[in-house]
Protein backbone atom coordinates (compact mmCIF):
# COMPACT_ATOMS: atom_id res chain seq x y z
CA MET A 1 -6.95 -5.27 3.98
CA LYS A 2 -9.55 -3.42 6.07
CA VAL A 3 -12.31 -4.09 3.51
CA GLU A 4 -11.94 -7.78 4.30
CA GLU A 5 -12.38 -7.10 8.02
CA LEU A 6 -15.58 -5.23 7.18
CA GLY A 7 -16.81 -8.08 5.01
CA LEU A 8 -16.99 -5.95 1.86
CA ALA A 9 -16.81 -7.61 -1.57
CA TYR A 10 -14.13 -6.03 -3.75
CA LEU A 11 -11.78 -6.49 -6.67
CA GLU A 12 -8.05 -5.75 -6.49
CA GLU A 13 -5.91 -4.03 -9.12
CA ASP A 14 -4.68 -7.26 -10.72
CA GLN A 15 -8.23 -8.58 -11.01
CA LEU A 16 -9.38 -5.35 -12.68
CA ARG A 17 -6.46 -5.45 -15.14
CA ALA A 18 -7.32 -9.06 -16.00
CA ARG A 19 -10.82 -7.81 -16.90
CA GLY A 20 -9.34 -5.23 -19.27
CA TYR A 21 -9.44 -2.06 -17.16
CA ASP A 22 -6.54 0.26 -17.92
CA LYS A 23 -7.21 2.67 -15.02
CA THR A 24 -7.23 0.71 -11.79
CA PRO A 25 -7.74 1.83 -8.21
CA ASP A 26 -6.19 -0.23 -5.43
CA CYS A 27 -9.61 -1.61 -4.58
CA LYS A 28 -12.95 -1.48 -6.44
CA LEU A 29 -15.94 -2.21 -4.22
CA GLU A 30 -18.43 -4.56 -5.84
CA VAL A 31 -21.23 -2.83 -3.93
CA PRO A 32 -20.77 0.89 -3.18
CA ILE A 33 -20.92 2.04 0.46
CA ALA A 34 -21.75 5.37 2.10
CA VAL A 35 -19.06 7.13 4.14
CA ASP A 36 -19.94 10.41 5.84
CA GLY A 37 -22.76 10.96 3.37
CA HIS A 38 -20.63 10.22 0.29
CA VAL A 39 -20.96 7.19 -1.99
CA VAL A 40 -17.68 5.29 -2.20
CA ASN A 41 -17.13 3.01 -5.22
CA TRP A 42 -13.37 2.58 -5.11
CA ILE A 43 -10.35 3.11 -2.85
CA GLU A 44 -7.02 4.56 -3.93
CA SER A 45 -4.41 4.55 -1.19
CA LYS A 46 -1.35 6.12 -2.78
CA ALA A 47 0.15 8.54 -0.28
CA SER A 48 0.29 11.46 -2.70
CA PHE A 49 -2.87 10.79 -4.73
CA GLY A 50 -5.11 13.82 -4.49
CA ASP A 51 -2.49 15.85 -2.65
CA GLU A 52 -2.75 19.15 -4.49
CA GLU A 53 0.63 20.40 -3.25
CA SER A 54 2.45 17.36 -4.68
CA HIS A 55 0.89 17.81 -8.09
CA LYS A 56 0.78 21.57 -8.62
CA GLY A 57 1.92 22.57 -12.06
CA LYS A 58 2.06 18.97 -13.28
CA GLY A 59 -1.57 18.74 -14.34
CA TYR A 60 -1.88 15.37 -12.58
CA LEU A 61 -5.03 16.17 -10.64
CA ARG A 62 -6.66 17.84 -13.61
CA MET A 63 -5.96 14.83 -15.87
CA ALA A 64 -5.88 11.67 -13.72
CA LEU A 65 -8.64 12.24 -11.22
CA PRO A 66 -11.49 12.88 -13.72
CA GLU A 67 -10.43 9.87 -15.85
CA THR A 68 -10.33 7.52 -12.87
CA ARG A 69 -13.51 8.96 -11.41
CA ALA A 70 -15.40 8.50 -14.68
CA ALA A 71 -14.24 4.90 -15.00
CA TYR A 72 -15.58 3.83 -11.61
CA LEU A 73 -18.76 5.83 -11.05
């Protein structure tokens, strides 16, 4: 995982679930980092996550993104 190469401390999905989180990103940074002026707390690497075209009409972006965002900010 690239976060390891960068020396970043993080928790993986299975570790988050073991701590009782029901919404889990692929990687939760233990210390947020800045990327292009944005604070990054977690990494979700699903190919279609956040792809508006893939989720139009399904309500996925409207429902899932705010819930996940709120859990990790």
